[in-house]
Amino acid sequence: MTALPTPPRVAFAGTPEFAQVALAQLHAAGFDIPVVFTQPDRPAGRGMKLQASPVKQWAQAHGIAVAQPHSLRLDGKYPDEAARAKATLEAAAPDVLVVAAYGLILPQWVLDLPCWGCLNIHASLLPRWRGAAPIHRAIEAGDAETGITIMQMDAGLDTGDMLLIERLPIQDSDTTARLHDRLAALGGRLIVEALELAACGGLTRTPQPSDGICYAHKIDKAESALRWSDSALSLARRARAFDPFPGLSTTWQQAPLKIWAAHLDDHKNESCLRLNEKRQGTILFINSQGIGVQTGDGVLVLTEVQRSGGKRLPVADFLRGNAVQVGDVLGEVLGNARGD
């Protein structure tokens, strides 16, 4: 990467809060940001009114021009919008395009336009967890660490050379929401560091290893459906991974019940061992700290739940208004070897 005698002009492409944090860091570091690309406004909320992305809101509040094409493909469904986007980017004459959770595929003309190309802020230790949901999948898989990789983008899916990488431990209490915030701050700091290094010719490219590749597929709402035949450990990880979306879904008394927080029960007392013979989904014990439920392997202790139309509640508050009893069965009973 050729060094520039002056700080680079940085175009930016991103959409959610993760990207907005990086944009704010670049601005605070004094980089010239002539234009920001973000997704078109989407319907959101109870009234389904059009809502601007966090990146658009921040850019407009700071007087930065915003472009919102539906596509950047000149031969795609929106060729006129793509052509206008191309003209906008050419007029901005950026030295580099920084990309963070933008949500649109960048065609080759975009990758080739800036003299430094396009740099991506990716929330994993590449090549592990390429794809759309690296934070969720790392927690779901029980990874001990994750991090940020600043990557030189190419035509593949998160396959480009690595420029900077920094590791971050995943704590046992981390949800996707909590880990997201720490990674967003780290990503903002690291992209500033990468551009400062690039400006003086100190940034080097390292090809990604050919082994250890995993794909972090986009989170589907259907994944929230809980199977009590799964292990308590895997369900506890999924509860953390799917907070704030989509949560874990089961039923109680034929009504929907969301599980937002849960942990593996590690109390191996005699009464609990006897209760562990119960079928999957059965409530084994209830106290102010949690509701213990039999799984396919171990006991899952629910600590934060939500009834349909209600609020997320700690179990102690939920129990005050709901007559939950030991022996109640949550959800569909799967894999019941006893047949009762």
C-alpha atoms as a PDB file:
ATOM      1  CA  MET A   1       0.000   0.000   0.000  1.00  0.00           C
ATOM      2  CA  THR A   2       1.586   3.268  -1.150  1.00  0.00           C
ATOM      3  CA  ALA A   3       1.936   5.964   1.499  1.00  0.00           C
ATOM      4  CA  LEU A   4       0.342   9.358   0.958  1.00  0.00           C
ATOM      5  CA  PRO A   5       2.006  12.671   1.890  1.00  0.00           C
ATOM      6  CA  THR A   6      -1.226  13.922   3.519  1.00  0.00           C
ATOM      7  CA  PRO A   7      -3.980  12.232   5.571  1.00  0.00           C
ATOM      8  CA  PRO A   8      -6.222  10.161   3.268  1.00  0.00           C
ATOM      9  CA  ARG A   9      -9.699  11.113   2.131  1.00  0.00           C
ATOM     10  CA  VAL A  10     -11.946   8.422   3.587  1.00  0.00           C
ATOM     11  CA  ALA A  11     -15.292   7.492   2.081  1.00  0.00           C
ATOM     12  CA  PHE A  12     -17.367   5.290   4.393  1.00  0.00           C
ATOM     13  CA  ALA A  13     -19.959   2.547   3.840  1.00  0.00           C
ATOM     14  CA  GLY A  14     -21.933   1.120   6.747  1.00  0.00           C
ATOM     15  CA  THR A  15     -25.408   0.878   8.209  1.00  0.00           C
ATOM     16  CA  PRO A  16     -25.977  -0.253  11.845  1.00  0.00           C
ATOM     17  CA  GLU A  17     -24.656   0.982  15.176  1.00  0.00           C
ATOM     18  CA  PHE A  18     -21.483  -1.119  14.823  1.00  0.00           C
ATOM     19  CA  ALA A  19     -20.582   0.966  11.746  1.00  0.00           C
ATOM     20  CA  GLN A  20     -21.682   4.253  13.304  1.00  0.00           C
ATOM     21  CA  VAL A  21     -19.157   3.783  16.124  1.00  0.00           C
ATOM     22  CA  ALA A  22     -16.340   3.413  13.576  1.00  0.00           C
ATOM     23  CA  LEU A  23     -17.532   6.420  11.592  1.00  0.00           C
ATOM     24  CA  ALA A  24     -17.510   8.553  14.739  1.00  0.00           C
ATOM     25  CA  GLN A  25     -13.969   7.377  15.577  1.00  0.00           C
ATOM     26  CA  LEU A  26     -12.707   8.260  12.088  1.00  0.00           C
ATOM     27  CA  HIS A  27     -14.297  11.691  12.341  1.00  0.00           C
ATOM     28  CA  ALA A  28     -12.833  12.279  15.800  1.00  0.00           C
ATOM     29  CA  ALA A  29      -9.392  11.320  14.491  1.00  0.00           C
ATOM     30  CA  GLY A  30      -9.602  14.148  11.966  1.00  0.00           C
ATOM     31  CA  PHE A  31      -9.937  12.212   8.703  1.00  0.00           C
ATOM     32  CA  ASP A  32     -11.605  13.994   5.785  1.00  0.00           C
ATOM     33  CA  ILE A  33     -14.870  12.091   5.107  1.00  0.00           C
ATOM     34  CA  PRO A  34     -16.462  13.465   1.912  1.00  0.00           C
ATOM     35  CA  VAL A  35     -19.353  10.986   1.641  1.00  0.00           C
ATOM     36  CA  VAL A  36     -21.059   8.172   3.513  1.00  0.00           C
ATOM     37  CA  PHE A  37     -22.926   5.273   1.908  1.00  0.00           C
ATOM     38  CA  THR A  38     -25.625   3.494   3.889  1.00  0.00           C
ATOM     39  CA  GLN A  39     -28.697   1.341   3.322  1.00  0.00           C
ATOM     40  CA  PRO A  40     -31.988   2.994   2.284  1.00  0.00           C
ATOM     41  CA  ASP A  41     -34.396   3.935   5.066  1.00  0.00           C
ATOM     42  CA  ARG A  42     -36.427   0.923   6.254  1.00  0.00           C
ATOM     43  CA  PRO A  43     -39.823   0.579   7.968  1.00  0.00           C
ATOM     44  CA  ALA A  44     -39.397  -0.028  11.693  1.00  0.00           C
ATOM     45  CA  GLY A  45     -41.287   0.134  14.978  1.00  0.00           C
ATOM     46  CA  ARG A  46     -44.953  -0.402  15.744  1.00  0.00           C
ATOM     47  CA  GLY A  47     -46.053   2.114  13.132  1.00  0.00           C
ATOM     48  CA  MET A  48     -43.626   0.724  10.524  1.00  0.00           C
ATOM     49  CA  LYS A  49     -42.491   4.237   9.652  1.00  0.00           C
ATOM     50  CA  LEU A  50     -39.371   4.733   7.548  1.00  0.00           C
ATOM     51  CA  GLN A  51     -36.342   5.010   9.783  1.00  0.00           C
ATOM     52  CA  ALA A  52     -32.852   6.169   8.882  1.00  0.00           C
ATOM     53  CA  SER A  53     -29.919   3.946   9.770  1.00  0.00           C
ATOM     54  CA  PRO A  54     -27.675   4.890  12.719  1.00  0.00           C
ATOM     55  CA  VAL A  55     -24.934   5.758  10.200  1.00  0.00           C
ATOM     56  CA  LYS A  56     -27.201   8.102   8.240  1.00  0.00           C
ATOM     57  CA  GLN A  57     -28.447   9.814  11.387  1.00  0.00           C
ATOM     58  CA  TRP A  58     -24.899  10.408  12.624  1.00  0.00           C
ATOM     59  CA  ALA A  59     -23.597  11.579   9.238  1.00  0.00           C
ATOM     60  CA  GLN A  60     -26.414  14.064   8.754  1.00  0.00           C
ATOM     61  CA  ALA A  61     -25.956  15.414  12.264  1.00  0.00           C
ATOM     62  CA  HIS A  62     -22.313  16.108  11.393  1.00  0.00           C
ATOM     63  CA  GLY A  63     -22.895  17.610   7.957  1.00  0.00           C
ATOM     64  CA  ILE A  64     -21.531  14.696   5.901  1.00  0.00           C
ATOM     65  CA  ALA A  65     -23.115  13.902   2.534  1.00  0.00           C
ATOM     66  CA  VAL A  66     -25.112  10.639   2.456  1.00  0.00           C
ATOM     67  CA  ALA A  67     -25.845   8.286  -0.465  1.00  0.00           C
ATOM     68  CA  GLN A  68     -28.383   5.447  -0.163  1.00  0.00           C
ATOM     69  CA  PRO A  69     -28.473   3.295  -3.297  1.00  0.00           C
ATOM     70  CA  HIS A  70     -30.441   0.052  -3.254  1.00  0.00           C
ATOM     71  CA  SER A  71     -27.618  -1.570  -5.200  1.00  0.00           C
ATOM     72  CA  LEU A  72     -24.151  -0.765  -6.529  1.00  0.00           C
ATOM     73  CA  ARG A  73     -24.329  -3.166  -9.470  1.00  0.00           C
ATOM     74  CA  LEU A  74     -24.350  -1.250 -12.746  1.00  0.00           C
ATOM     75  CA  ASP A  75     -25.970  -4.232 -14.483  1.00  0.00           C
ATOM     76  CA  GLY A  76     -28.371  -5.061 -11.654  1.00  0.00           C
ATOM     77  CA  LYS A  77     -31.965  -4.263 -10.705  1.00  0.00           C
ATOM     78  CA  TYR A  78     -31.230  -0.578  -9.963  1.00  0.00           C
ATOM     79  CA  PRO A  79     -28.754   0.506 -12.662  1.00  0.00           C
ATOM     80  CA  ASP A  80     -29.678   4.204 -12.433  1.00  0.00           C
ATOM     81  CA  GLU A  81     -29.073   4.285  -8.674  1.00  0.00           C
ATOM     82  CA  ALA A  82     -25.789   2.428  -9.122  1.00  0.00           C
ATOM     83  CA  ALA A  83     -24.683   4.873 -11.832  1.00  0.00           C
ATOM     84  CA  ARG A  84     -25.460   7.831  -9.552  1.00  0.00           C
ATOM     85  CA  ALA A  85     -23.567   6.142  -6.730  1.00  0.00           C
ATOM     86  CA  LYS A  86     -20.575   5.682  -9.013  1.00  0.00           C
ATOM     87  CA  ALA A  87     -20.635   9.339  -9.999  1.00  0.00           C
ATOM     88  CA  THR A  88     -20.892  10.328  -6.332  1.00  0.00           C
ATOM     89  CA  LEU A  89     -17.931   8.194  -5.338  1.00  0.00           C
ATOM     90  CA  GLU A  90     -15.838   9.396  -8.270  1.00  0.00           C
ATOM     91  CA  ALA A  91     -16.586  13.023  -7.401  1.00  0.00           C
ATOM     92  CA  ALA A  92     -15.606  12.388  -3.763  1.00  0.00           C
ATOM     93  CA  ALA A  93     -12.226  11.049  -4.986  1.00  0.00           C
ATOM     94  CA  PRO A  94     -11.499   9.025  -1.844  1.00  0.00           C
ATOM     95  CA  ASP A  95      -8.110   7.482  -1.216  1.00  0.00           C
ATOM     96  CA  VAL A  96      -9.814   4.615   0.608  1.00  0.00           C
ATOM     97  CA  LEU A  97     -13.320   3.296   1.247  1.00  0.00           C
ATOM     98  CA  VAL A  98     -13.847   1.978   4.790  1.00  0.00           C
ATOM     99  CA  VAL A  99     -16.619  -0.619   5.023  1.00  0.00           C
ATOM    100  CA  ALA A 100     -18.331  -1.817   8.190  1.00  0.00           C
ATOM    101  CA  ALA A 101     -21.529  -3.915   8.152  1.00  0.00           C
ATOM    102  CA  TYR A 102     -22.775  -2.114   5.043  1.00  0.00           C
ATOM    103  CA  GLY A 103     -25.099  -4.857   3.823  1.00  0.00           C
ATOM    104  CA  LEU A 104     -24.531  -4.485   0.074  1.00  0.00           C
ATOM    105  CA  ILE A 105     -22.133  -6.466  -2.095  1.00  0.00           C
ATOM    106  CA  LEU A 106     -19.377  -4.283  -3.520  1.00  0.00           C
ATOM    107  CA  PRO A 107     -18.863  -4.886  -7.262  1.00  0.00           C
ATOM    108  CA  GLN A 108     -15.402  -4.746  -8.772  1.00  0.00           C
ATOM    109  CA  TRP A 109     -15.693  -1.117  -9.858  1.00  0.00           C
ATOM    110  CA  VAL A 110     -16.056  -0.082  -6.206  1.00  0.00           C
ATOM    111  CA  LEU A 111     -13.117  -2.216  -5.078  1.00  0.00           C
ATOM    112  CA  ASP A 112     -10.929  -0.670  -7.807  1.00  0.00           C
ATOM    113  CA  LEU A 113     -11.925   2.988  -7.479  1.00  0.00           C
ATOM    114  CA  PRO A 114      -9.971   4.216  -4.404  1.00  0.00           C
ATOM    115  CA  CYS A 115      -6.191   4.084  -4.770  1.00  0.00           C
ATOM    116  CA  TRP A 116      -5.954   2.178  -1.465  1.00  0.00           C
ATOM    117  CA  GLY A 117      -8.957   0.018  -2.306  1.00  0.00           C
ATOM    118  CA  CYS A 118     -11.561  -0.883   0.303  1.00  0.00           C
ATOM    119  CA  LEU A 119     -10.839  -1.788   3.933  1.00  0.00           C
ATOM    120  CA  ASN A 120     -13.349  -3.829   5.920  1.00  0.00           C
ATOM    121  CA  ILE A 121     -13.830  -3.852   9.699  1.00  0.00           C
ATOM    122  CA  HIS A 122     -14.782  -7.459  10.400  1.00  0.00           C
ATOM    123  CA  ALA A 123     -15.876  -8.648  13.859  1.00  0.00           C
ATOM    124  CA  SER A 124     -14.006 -11.954  14.012  1.00  0.00           C
ATOM    125  CA  LEU A 125     -10.547 -13.470  13.891  1.00  0.00           C
ATOM    126  CA  LEU A 126     -10.479 -14.340  10.216  1.00  0.00           C
ATOM    127  CA  PRO A 127     -10.715 -16.824   8.629  1.00  0.00           C
ATOM    128  CA  ARG A 128     -12.990 -18.001  11.452  1.00  0.00           C
ATOM    129  CA  TRP A 129     -16.531 -16.697  11.064  1.00  0.00           C
ATOM    130  CA  ARG A 130     -16.598 -15.124   7.659  1.00  0.00           C
ATOM    131  CA  GLY A 131     -20.068 -13.884   6.828  1.00  0.00           C
ATOM    132  CA  ALA A 132     -22.982 -11.921   8.230  1.00  0.00           C
ATOM    133  CA  ALA A 133     -23.249 -12.885  11.915  1.00  0.00           C
ATOM    134  CA  PRO A 134     -19.743 -13.448  13.349  1.00  0.00           C
ATOM    135  CA  ILE A 135     -20.546 -12.160  16.848  1.00  0.00           C
ATOM    136  CA  HIS A 136     -23.601 -14.394  17.305  1.00  0.00           C
ATOM    137  CA  ARG A 137     -21.907 -17.498  15.916  1.00  0.00           C
ATOM    138  CA  ALA A 138     -18.781 -17.126  18.041  1.00  0.00           C
ATOM    139  CA  ILE A 139     -20.874 -17.097  21.227  1.00  0.00           C
ATOM    140  CA  GLU A 140     -23.134 -19.889  19.995  1.00  0.00           C
ATOM    141  CA  ALA A 141     -20.107 -22.082  19.240  1.00  0.00           C
ATOM    142  CA  GLY A 142     -18.588 -21.490  22.679  1.00  0.00           C
ATOM    143  CA  ASP A 143     -15.465 -19.742  21.344  1.00  0.00           C
ATOM    144  CA  ALA A 144     -13.105 -18.507  24.042  1.00  0.00           C
ATOM    145  CA  GLU A 145     -12.097 -15.421  22.062  1.00  0.00           C
ATOM    146  CA  THR A 146     -12.966 -13.283  19.083  1.00  0.00           C
ATOM    147  CA  GLY A 147     -11.656  -9.948  17.842  1.00  0.00           C
ATOM    148  CA  ILE A 148     -11.452  -7.471  14.989  1.00  0.00           C
ATOM    149  CA  THR A 149      -9.746  -8.030  11.662  1.00  0.00           C
ATOM    150  CA  ILE A 150      -9.059  -5.078   9.373  1.00  0.00           C
ATOM    151  CA  MET A 151      -9.109  -6.664   5.928  1.00  0.00           C
ATOM    152  CA  GLN A 152      -8.255  -5.577   2.392  1.00  0.00           C
ATOM    153  CA  MET A 153     -11.457  -6.375   0.531  1.00  0.00           C
ATOM    154  CA  ASP A 154     -11.514  -8.470  -2.624  1.00  0.00           C
ATOM    155  CA  ALA A 155     -14.297 -10.059  -4.671  1.00  0.00           C
ATOM    156  CA  GLY A 156     -14.750 -12.984  -2.249  1.00  0.00           C
ATOM    157  CA  LEU A 157     -16.826 -13.217   0.936  1.00  0.00           C
ATOM    158  CA  ASP A 158     -14.448 -11.923   3.628  1.00  0.00           C
ATOM    159  CA  THR A 159     -11.512 -13.594   1.864  1.00  0.00           C
ATOM    160  CA  GLY A 160      -9.155 -10.620   1.503  1.00  0.00           C
ATOM    161  CA  ASP A 161      -5.716 -10.155   3.028  1.00  0.00           C
ATOM    162  CA  MET A 162      -5.508  -9.251   6.718  1.00  0.00           C
ATOM    163  CA  LEU A 163      -3.985  -5.894   7.616  1.00  0.00           C
ATOM    164  CA  LEU A 164      -4.460  -5.618  11.386  1.00  0.00           C
ATOM    165  CA  ILE A 165      -5.921  -8.038  13.921  1.00  0.00           C
ATOM    166  CA  GLU A 166      -6.590  -7.733  17.643  1.00  0.00           C
ATOM    167  CA  ARG A 167      -8.019 -10.409  19.929  1.00  0.00           C
ATOM    168  CA  LEU A 168     -10.759 -10.016  22.532  1.00  0.00           C
ATOM    169  CA  PRO A 169     -11.750 -12.656  25.120  1.00  0.00           C
ATOM    170  CA  ILE A 170     -15.386 -13.779  25.206  1.00  0.00           C
ATOM    171  CA  GLN A 171     -16.612 -13.722  28.791  1.00  0.00           C
ATOM    172  CA  ASP A 172     -19.068 -16.292  30.146  1.00  0.00           C
ATOM    173  CA  SER A 173     -21.601 -13.511  30.723  1.00  0.00           C
ATOM    174  CA  ASP A 174     -21.292 -12.011  27.239  1.00  0.00           C
ATOM    175  CA  THR A 175     -24.429 -11.698  25.150  1.00  0.00           C
ATOM    176  CA  THR A 176     -24.283 -10.623  21.522  1.00  0.00           C
ATOM    177  CA  ALA A 177     -25.362  -7.131  22.629  1.00  0.00           C
ATOM    178  CA  ARG A 178     -22.539  -6.778  25.166  1.00  0.00           C
ATOM    179  CA  LEU A 179     -19.872  -8.278  22.942  1.00  0.00           C
ATOM    180  CA  HIS A 180     -21.083  -6.140  20.022  1.00  0.00           C
ATOM    181  CA  ASP A 181     -20.423  -2.952  21.970  1.00  0.00           C
ATOM    182  CA  ARG A 182     -16.881  -3.961  22.917  1.00  0.00           C
ATOM    183  CA  LEU A 183     -16.090  -5.080  19.371  1.00  0.00           C
ATOM    184  CA  ALA A 184     -17.552  -1.885  17.891  1.00  0.00           C
ATOM    185  CA  ALA A 185     -15.260   0.233  20.068  1.00  0.00           C
ATOM    186  CA  LEU A 186     -12.288  -1.974  19.180  1.00  0.00           C
ATOM    187  CA  GLY A 187     -13.134  -1.801  15.477  1.00  0.00           C
ATOM    188  CA  GLY A 188     -13.254   1.986  15.558  1.00  0.00           C
ATOM    189  CA  ARG A 189      -9.886   2.201  17.267  1.00  0.00           C
ATOM    190  CA  LEU A 190      -8.268  -0.343  14.975  1.00  0.00           C
ATOM    191  CA  ILE A 191      -9.435   1.242  11.690  1.00  0.00           C
ATOM    192  CA  VAL A 192      -7.990   4.588  12.807  1.00  0.00           C
ATOM    193  CA  GLU A 193      -4.715   2.842  13.618  1.00  0.00           C
ATOM    194  CA  ALA A 194      -4.750   1.068  10.235  1.00  0.00           C
ATOM    195  CA  LEU A 195      -5.223   4.295   8.280  1.00  0.00           C
ATOM    196  CA  GLU A 196      -2.545   6.087  10.268  1.00  0.00           C
ATOM    197  CA  LEU A 197      -0.138   3.245   9.518  1.00  0.00           C
ATOM    198  CA  ALA A 198      -1.150   3.238   5.854  1.00  0.00           C
ATOM    199  CA  ALA A 199      -0.518   6.969   5.587  1.00  0.00           C
ATOM    200  CA  CYS A 200       3.138   6.428   6.459  1.00  0.00           C
ATOM    201  CA  GLY A 201       3.549   3.196   4.510  1.00  0.00           C
ATOM    202  CA  GLY A 202       3.573   0.992   7.607  1.00  0.00           C
ATOM    203  CA  LEU A 203       0.662  -1.320   6.813  1.00  0.00           C
ATOM    204  CA  THR A 204       1.430  -4.819   5.544  1.00  0.00           C
ATOM    205  CA  ARG A 205      -0.867  -7.454   4.028  1.00  0.00           C
ATOM    206  CA  THR A 206      -1.044 -11.062   5.245  1.00  0.00           C
ATOM    207  CA  PRO A 207      -3.038 -13.685   3.327  1.00  0.00           C
ATOM    208  CA  GLN A 208      -5.637 -15.527   5.370  1.00  0.00           C
ATOM    209  CA  PRO A 209      -4.807 -19.108   6.401  1.00  0.00           C
ATOM    210  CA  SER A 210      -6.422 -21.787   4.278  1.00  0.00           C
ATOM    211  CA  ASP A 211      -7.557 -23.782   7.317  1.00  0.00           C
ATOM    212  CA  GLY A 212      -9.966 -22.903  10.111  1.00  0.00           C
ATOM    213  CA  ILE A 213     -12.545 -21.317   7.797  1.00  0.00           C
ATOM    214  CA  CYS A 214     -16.086 -21.053   9.212  1.00  0.00           C
ATOM    215  CA  TYR A 215     -19.125 -19.261   7.823  1.00  0.00           C
ATOM    216  CA  ALA A 216     -21.320 -17.166  10.100  1.00  0.00           C
ATOM    217  CA  HIS A 217     -24.661 -17.480   8.373  1.00  0.00           C
ATOM    218  CA  LYS A 218     -27.220 -14.717   8.930  1.00  0.00           C
ATOM    219  CA  ILE A 219     -29.429 -15.200  11.985  1.00  0.00           C
ATOM    220  CA  ASP A 220     -32.890 -16.430  11.043  1.00  0.00           C
ATOM    221  CA  LYS A 221     -35.869 -15.780  13.318  1.00  0.00           C
ATOM    222  CA  ALA A 222     -36.779 -19.473  12.990  1.00  0.00           C
ATOM    223  CA  GLU A 223     -33.594 -20.341  14.889  1.00  0.00           C
ATOM    224  CA  SER A 224     -35.221 -19.065  18.075  1.00  0.00           C
ATOM    225  CA  ALA A 225     -37.340 -22.248  18.331  1.00  0.00           C
ATOM    226  CA  LEU A 226     -35.993 -24.174  21.309  1.00  0.00           C
ATOM    227  CA  ARG A 227     -35.634 -27.960  21.426  1.00  0.00           C
ATOM    228  CA  TRP A 228     -35.448 -29.332  24.948  1.00  0.00           C
ATOM    229  CA  SER A 229     -33.651 -32.405  23.582  1.00  0.00           C
ATOM    230  CA  ASP A 230     -30.563 -30.203  23.090  1.00  0.00           C
ATOM    231  CA  SER A 231     -28.016 -29.942  25.884  1.00  0.00           C
ATOM    232  CA  ALA A 232     -28.295 -27.330  28.608  1.00  0.00           C
ATOM    233  CA  LEU A 233     -24.845 -26.017  27.656  1.00  0.00           C
ATOM    234  CA  SER A 234     -25.769 -25.451  24.012  1.00  0.00           C
ATOM    235  CA  LEU A 235     -29.087 -23.815  24.971  1.00  0.00           C
ATOM    236  CA  ALA A 236     -27.358 -21.483  27.424  1.00  0.00           C
ATOM    237  CA  ARG A 237     -24.934 -20.428  24.699  1.00  0.00           C
ATOM    238  CA  ARG A 238     -27.763 -19.849  22.228  1.00  0.00           C
ATOM    239  CA  ALA A 239     -29.641 -17.710  24.749  1.00  0.00           C
ATOM    240  CA  ARG A 240     -26.588 -15.460  25.007  1.00  0.00           C
ATOM    241  CA  ALA A 241     -25.977 -15.497  21.252  1.00  0.00           C
ATOM    242  CA  PHE A 242     -29.601 -14.625  20.430  1.00  0.00           C
ATOM    243  CA  ASP A 243     -29.843 -11.626  22.759  1.00  0.00           C
ATOM    244  CA  PRO A 244     -31.060  -9.107  21.597  1.00  0.00           C
ATOM    245  CA  PHE A 245     -32.436 -11.028  18.584  1.00  0.00           C
ATOM    246  CA  PRO A 246     -34.289 -13.359  18.196  1.00  0.00           C
ATOM    247  CA  GLY A 247     -34.171 -14.875  21.707  1.00  0.00           C
ATOM    248  CA  LEU A 248     -35.130 -18.464  22.477  1.00  0.00           C
ATOM    249  CA  SER A 249     -38.789 -19.446  22.035  1.00  0.00           C
ATOM    250  CA  THR A 250     -40.792 -22.123  23.822  1.00  0.00           C
ATOM    251  CA  THR A 251     -44.296 -22.378  25.277  1.00  0.00           C
ATOM    252  CA  TRP A 252     -45.805 -22.543  28.746  1.00  0.00           C
ATOM    253  CA  GLN A 253     -49.460 -23.488  29.133  1.00  0.00           C
ATOM    254  CA  GLN A 254     -49.788 -23.399  25.324  1.00  0.00           C
ATOM    255  CA  ALA A 255     -48.736 -19.700  25.261  1.00  0.00           C
ATOM    256  CA  PRO A 256     -45.479 -18.353  23.773  1.00  0.00           C
ATOM    257  CA  LEU A 257     -42.618 -17.832  26.209  1.00  0.00           C
ATOM    258  CA  LYS A 258     -39.303 -16.165  25.365  1.00  0.00           C
ATOM    259  CA  ILE A 259     -36.142 -17.097  27.219  1.00  0.00           C
ATOM    260  CA  TRP A 260     -33.627 -14.260  27.307  1.00  0.00           C
ATOM    261  CA  ALA A 261     -31.125 -15.447  29.889  1.00  0.00           C
ATOM    262  CA  ALA A 262     -30.255 -18.900  31.203  1.00  0.00           C
ATOM    263  CA  HIS A 263     -27.295 -20.870  32.480  1.00  0.00           C
ATOM    264  CA  LEU A 264     -26.226 -24.451  32.991  1.00  0.00           C
ATOM    265  CA  ASP A 265     -27.113 -25.763  36.458  1.00  0.00           C
ATOM    266  CA  ASP A 266     -24.023 -27.000  38.256  1.00  0.00           C
ATOM    267  CA  HIS A 267     -25.660 -28.034  41.551  1.00  0.00           C
ATOM    268  CA  LYS A 268     -25.520 -31.831  41.645  1.00  0.00           C
ATOM    269  CA  ASN A 269     -27.548 -32.440  44.801  1.00  0.00           C
ATOM    270  CA  GLU A 270     -29.426 -35.688  45.421  1.00  0.00           C
ATOM    271  CA  SER A 271     -32.944 -34.318  44.861  1.00  0.00           C
ATOM    272  CA  CYS A 272     -31.903 -32.760  41.566  1.00  0.00           C
ATOM    273  CA  LEU A 273     -30.371 -36.056  40.423  1.00  0.00           C
ATOM    274  CA  ARG A 274     -33.668 -37.818  41.075  1.00  0.00           C
ATOM    275  CA  LEU A 275     -35.576 -35.114  39.232  1.00  0.00           C
ATOM    276  CA  ASN A 276     -33.198 -35.454  36.287  1.00  0.00           C
ATOM    277  CA  GLU A 277     -35.034 -38.649  35.377  1.00  0.00           C
ATOM    278  CA  LYS A 278     -37.965 -36.507  34.258  1.00  0.00           C
ATOM    279  CA  ARG A 279     -38.716 -35.985  30.576  1.00  0.00           C
ATOM    280  CA  GLN A 280     -37.200 -33.131  28.625  1.00  0.00           C
ATOM    281  CA  GLY A 281     -38.866 -29.760  29.106  1.00  0.00           C
ATOM    282  CA  THR A 282     -40.074 -30.561  32.621  1.00  0.00           C
ATOM    283  CA  ILE A 283     -39.658 -27.905  35.313  1.00  0.00           C
ATOM    284  CA  LEU A 284     -37.567 -29.526  38.045  1.00  0.00           C
ATOM    285  CA  PHE A 285     -37.271 -26.739  40.595  1.00  0.00           C
ATOM    286  CA  ILE A 286     -38.300 -23.117  41.125  1.00  0.00           C
ATOM    287  CA  ASN A 287     -36.701 -20.483  43.311  1.00  0.00           C
ATOM    288  CA  SER A 288     -36.149 -16.742  43.261  1.00  0.00           C
ATOM    289  CA  GLN A 289     -32.948 -17.197  41.268  1.00  0.00           C
ATOM    290  CA  GLY A 290     -34.299 -19.314  38.447  1.00  0.00           C
ATOM    291  CA  ILE A 291     -36.483 -22.034  36.966  1.00  0.00           C
ATOM    292  CA  GLY A 292     -34.672 -25.337  36.421  1.00  0.00           C
ATOM    293  CA  VAL A 293     -35.713 -27.258  33.307  1.00  0.00           C
ATOM    294  CA  GLN A 294     -34.683 -30.743  32.186  1.00  0.00           C
ATOM    295  CA  THR A 295     -32.893 -30.859  28.828  1.00  0.00           C
ATOM    296  CA  GLY A 296     -31.435 -33.644  26.734  1.00  0.00           C
ATOM    297  CA  ASP A 297     -28.238 -33.308  28.765  1.00  0.00           C
ATOM    298  CA  GLY A 298     -28.261 -31.411  32.039  1.00  0.00           C
ATOM    299  CA  VAL A 299     -30.500 -28.800  33.610  1.00  0.00           C
ATOM    300  CA  LEU A 300     -31.026 -25.314  32.183  1.00  0.00           C
ATOM    301  CA  VAL A 301     -31.790 -22.578  34.712  1.00  0.00           C
ATOM    302  CA  LEU A 302     -33.949 -19.812  33.242  1.00  0.00           C
ATOM    303  CA  THR A 303     -33.207 -16.406  34.767  1.00  0.00           C
ATOM    304  CA  GLU A 304     -34.942 -13.916  32.438  1.00  0.00           C
ATOM    305  CA  VAL A 305     -38.148 -14.629  30.500  1.00  0.00           C
ATOM    306  CA  GLN A 306     -40.949 -12.846  28.658  1.00  0.00           C
ATOM    307  CA  ARG A 307     -44.583 -13.761  28.001  1.00  0.00           C
ATOM    308  CA  SER A 308     -46.226 -12.709  24.741  1.00  0.00           C
ATOM    309  CA  GLY A 309     -47.126  -9.018  24.889  1.00  0.00           C
ATOM    310  CA  GLY A 310     -45.232  -8.551  28.144  1.00  0.00           C
ATOM    311  CA  LYS A 311     -41.826  -7.254  29.179  1.00  0.00           C
ATOM    312  CA  ARG A 312     -38.564  -9.063  29.737  1.00  0.00           C
ATOM    313  CA  LEU A 313     -38.544  -9.950  33.417  1.00  0.00           C
ATOM    314  CA  PRO A 314     -36.143 -11.483  35.899  1.00  0.00           C
ATOM    315  CA  VAL A 315     -37.550 -14.808  37.046  1.00  0.00           C
ATOM    316  CA  ALA A 316     -38.335 -13.478  40.536  1.00  0.00           C
ATOM    317  CA  ASP A 317     -40.632 -10.829  39.018  1.00  0.00           C
ATOM    318  CA  PHE A 318     -42.120 -13.269  36.510  1.00  0.00           C
ATOM    319  CA  LEU A 319     -43.059 -15.725  39.261  1.00  0.00           C
ATOM    320  CA  ARG A 320     -45.028 -13.082  41.166  1.00  0.00           C
ATOM    321  CA  GLY A 321     -47.589 -12.864  38.363  1.00  0.00           C
ATOM    322  CA  ASN A 322     -47.494 -16.404  36.960  1.00  0.00           C
ATOM    323  CA  ALA A 323     -48.383 -19.645  38.741  1.00  0.00           C
ATOM    324  CA  VAL A 324     -45.498 -21.729  37.459  1.00  0.00           C
ATOM    325  CA  GLN A 325     -45.253 -25.147  39.123  1.00  0.00           C
ATOM    326  CA  VAL A 326     -42.717 -27.929  39.411  1.00  0.00           C
ATOM    327  CA  GLY A 327     -43.767 -30.611  36.938  1.00  0.00           C
ATOM    328  CA  ASP A 328     -45.027 -28.186  34.286  1.00  0.00           C
ATOM    329  CA  VAL A 329     -43.684 -29.065  30.846  1.00  0.00           C
ATOM    330  CA  LEU A 330     -42.374 -26.309  28.587  1.00  0.00           C
ATOM    331  CA  GLY A 331     -42.713 -26.572  24.832  1.00  0.00           C
ATOM    332  CA  GLU A 332     -42.870 -29.686  22.719  1.00  0.00           C
ATOM    333  CA  VAL A 333     -41.442 -32.768  24.432  1.00  0.00           C
ATOM    334  CA  LEU A 334     -38.814 -34.321  22.198  1.00  0.00           C
ATOM    335  CA  GLY A 335     -36.812 -37.498  22.510  1.00  0.00           C
ATOM    336  CA  ASN A 336     -38.681 -38.754  25.581  1.00  0.00           C
ATOM    337  CA  ALA A 337     -37.193 -42.203  26.174  1.00  0.00           C
ATOM    338  CA  ARG A 338     -39.663 -43.039  28.978  1.00  0.00           C
ATOM    339  CA  GLY A 339     -42.708 -42.415  26.774  1.00  0.00           C
ATOM    340  CA  ASP A 340     -44.660 -40.574  29.468  1.00  0.00           C
END
